[in-house]
C-alpha atoms as a PDB file:
ATOM      1  CA  UNK A   1       8.775 -10.219-193.558  1.00  0.00           C
ATOM      2  CA  UNK A   2       6.532 -12.213-195.847  1.00  0.00           C
ATOM      3  CA  UNK A   3       3.875 -12.553-193.195  1.00  0.00           C
ATOM      4  CA  UNK A   4       4.282  -9.328-191.221  1.00  0.00           C
ATOM      5  CA  UNK A   5       5.229  -5.708-191.991  1.00  0.00           C
ATOM      6  CA  UNK A   6       8.911  -5.138-190.855  1.00  0.00           C
ATOM      7  CA  UNK A   7       7.807  -2.127-188.614  1.00  0.00           C
ATOM      8  CA  UNK A   8       5.657  -4.561-186.619  1.00  0.00           C
ATOM      9  CA  UNK A   9       8.356  -7.250-186.153  1.00  0.00           C
ATOM     10  CA  UNK A  10      10.015  -7.178-182.766  1.00  0.00           C
ATOM     11  CA  UNK A  11      13.418  -8.405-181.427  1.00  0.00           C
ATOM     12  CA  UNK A  12      11.461 -10.684-179.163  1.00  0.00           C
ATOM     13  CA  UNK A  13       9.861 -12.442-182.222  1.00  0.00           C
ATOM     14  CA  UNK A  14      13.167 -12.554-184.076  1.00  0.00           C
ATOM     15  CA  UNK A  15      15.045 -14.239-181.187  1.00  0.00           C
ATOM     16  CA  UNK A  16      12.162 -16.739-180.511  1.00  0.00           C
ATOM     17  CA  UNK A  17      12.029 -17.626-184.163  1.00  0.00           C
ATOM     18  CA  UNK A  18      15.755 -17.987-184.459  1.00  0.00           C
ATOM     19  CA  UNK A  19      16.198 -19.628-180.938  1.00  0.00           C
ATOM     20  CA  UNK A  20      18.814 -17.228-179.717  1.00  0.00           C
ATOM     21  CA  UNK A  21      18.925 -15.130-176.643  1.00  0.00           C
ATOM     22  CA  UNK A  22      18.503 -11.457-176.520  1.00  0.00           C
ATOM     23  CA  UNK A  23      22.173 -10.739-175.555  1.00  0.00           C
ATOM     24  CA  UNK A  24      23.288 -12.751-178.600  1.00  0.00           C
ATOM     25  CA  UNK A  25      20.986 -10.624-181.017  1.00  0.00           C
ATOM     26  CA  UNK A  26      22.380  -7.297-179.586  1.00  0.00           C
ATOM     27  CA  UNK A  27      25.922  -8.650-179.598  1.00  0.00           C
ATOM     28  CA  UNK A  28      25.709  -8.625-183.467  1.00  0.00           C
ATOM     29  CA  UNK A  29      23.058  -5.964-184.234  1.00  0.00           C
ATOM     30  CA  UNK A  30      22.192  -2.583-182.583  1.00  0.00           C
ATOM     31  CA  UNK A  31      18.492  -3.032-183.628  1.00  0.00           C
ATOM     32  CA  UNK A  32      16.279  -4.745-186.333  1.00  0.00           C
ATOM     33  CA  UNK A  33      17.317  -2.086-188.884  1.00  0.00           C
ATOM     34  CA  UNK A  34      20.894  -3.106-188.447  1.00  0.00           C
ATOM     35  CA  UNK A  35      19.742  -6.737-189.047  1.00  0.00           C
ATOM     36  CA  UNK A  36      17.903  -5.636-192.126  1.00  0.00           C
ATOM     37  CA  UNK A  37      21.094  -3.807-193.433  1.00  0.00           C
ATOM     38  CA  UNK A  38      23.093  -6.909-192.783  1.00  0.00           C
ATOM     39  CA  UNK A  39      20.456  -9.055-194.683  1.00  0.00           C
ATOM     40  CA  UNK A  40      20.485  -6.715-197.519  1.00  0.00           C
ATOM     41  CA  UNK A  41      24.315  -6.759-197.691  1.00  0.00           C
ATOM     42  CA  UNK A  42      24.490 -10.564-197.640  1.00  0.00           C
ATOM     43  CA  UNK A  43      21.960 -10.613-200.539  1.00  0.00           C
ATOM     44  CA  UNK A  44      23.805  -8.051-202.421  1.00  0.00           C
ATOM     45  CA  UNK A  45      27.048  -9.964-202.117  1.00  0.00           C
ATOM     46  CA  UNK A  46      25.289 -12.984-203.622  1.00  0.00           C
ATOM     47  CA  UNK A  47      23.840 -10.901-206.535  1.00  0.00           C
ATOM     48  CA  UNK A  48      27.207  -9.433-207.227  1.00  0.00           C
ATOM     49  CA  UNK A  49      28.848 -12.784-207.282  1.00  0.00           C
ATOM     50  CA  UNK A  50      26.480 -13.959-209.997  1.00  0.00           C
ATOM     51  CA  UNK A  51      26.666 -10.648-211.783  1.00  0.00           C
ATOM     52  CA  UNK A  52      30.345 -10.776-212.048  1.00  0.00           C
ATOM     53  CA  UNK A  53      29.986 -14.151-213.843  1.00  0.00           C
ATOM     54  CA  UNK A  54      27.823 -12.537-216.582  1.00  0.00           C
ATOM     55  CA  UNK A  55      29.675 -10.916-219.504  1.00  0.00           C
ATOM     56  CA  UNK A  56      26.657 -10.133-221.688  1.00  0.00           C
ATOM     57  CA  UNK A  57      24.653  -7.096-220.586  1.00  0.00           C
ATOM     58  CA  UNK A  58      21.511  -8.596-221.835  1.00  0.00           C
ATOM     59  CA  UNK A  59      22.022 -11.686-219.546  1.00  0.00           C
ATOM     60  CA  UNK A  60      22.951  -9.279-216.623  1.00  0.00           C
ATOM     61  CA  UNK A  61      19.732  -7.236-217.036  1.00  0.00           C
ATOM     62  CA  UNK A  62      17.752 -10.392-217.317  1.00  0.00           C
ATOM     63  CA  UNK A  63      19.343 -11.823-214.154  1.00  0.00           C
ATOM     64  CA  UNK A  64      18.648  -8.561-212.230  1.00  0.00           C
ATOM     65  CA  UNK A  65      14.901  -8.500-213.436  1.00  0.00           C
ATOM     66  CA  UNK A  66      14.507 -12.174-212.292  1.00  0.00           C
ATOM     67  CA  UNK A  67      16.019 -11.535-209.030  1.00  0.00           C
ATOM     68  CA  UNK A  68      13.629  -8.476-208.456  1.00  0.00           C
ATOM     69  CA  UNK A  69      10.659 -10.606-209.442  1.00  0.00           C
ATOM     70  CA  UNK A  70      11.658 -13.472-207.099  1.00  0.00           C
ATOM     71  CA  UNK A  71      12.464 -11.164-204.263  1.00  0.00           C
ATOM     72  CA  UNK A  72       9.993  -8.303-204.543  1.00  0.00           C
ATOM     73  CA  UNK A  73       8.772  -8.818-200.833  1.00  0.00           C
ATOM     74  CA  UNK A  74      12.311  -8.194-199.504  1.00  0.00           C
ATOM     75  CA  UNK A  75      12.812  -5.133-201.696  1.00  0.00           C
ATOM     76  CA  UNK A  76       9.435  -3.792-200.734  1.00  0.00           C
ATOM     77  CA  UNK A  77       9.947  -4.407-197.076  1.00  0.00           C
ATOM     78  CA  UNK A  78      13.431  -2.713-197.083  1.00  0.00           C
ATOM     79  CA  UNK A  79      12.020   0.204-198.961  1.00  0.00           C
ATOM     80  CA  UNK A  80       9.209   0.565-196.501  1.00  0.00           C
ATOM     81  CA  UNK A  81      11.407   0.132-193.456  1.00  0.00           C
ATOM     82  CA  UNK A  82      14.437   2.268-194.438  1.00  0.00           C
ATOM     83  CA  UNK A  83      13.143   4.476-197.282  1.00  0.00           C
ATOM     84  CA  UNK A  84      14.230   5.316-200.708  1.00  0.00           C
ATOM     85  CA  UNK A  85      17.291   7.446-199.855  1.00  0.00           C
ATOM     86  CA  UNK A  86      18.836   4.824-197.578  1.00  0.00           C
ATOM     87  CA  UNK A  87      18.226   2.163-200.319  1.00  0.00           C
ATOM     88  CA  UNK A  88      20.026   4.458-202.841  1.00  0.00           C
ATOM     89  CA  UNK A  89      22.924   4.904-200.390  1.00  0.00           C
ATOM     90  CA  UNK A  90      23.195   1.167-199.766  1.00  0.00           C
ATOM     91  CA  UNK A  91      23.354   0.193-203.417  1.00  0.00           C
ATOM     92  CA  UNK A  92      25.805   3.163-204.288  1.00  0.00           C
ATOM     93  CA  UNK A  93      28.138   1.788-201.624  1.00  0.00           C
ATOM     94  CA  UNK A  94      28.194  -1.872-202.881  1.00  0.00           C
ATOM     95  CA  UNK A  95      28.150  -1.204-206.582  1.00  0.00           C
END
């Protein structure tokens, strides 16, 4: 996603990069958008783990801003791939 727009990535490229076969990919994911949702969920779980450790709102906001700065390509890619409404629904479910 850093080097190629998400909409241009194919399952074939993913399975070659990950060295898995096509059946394995489809056993776990319906399509690349399901993979993207899984990736976002895993990232969100990690963020929430750190967020729960923060008791000061200022530190929490600083942590979130740093995370966005460090992962802007993921956020941008997700936004472009699944749209604003889906991103909002996703974060509403996990927060």
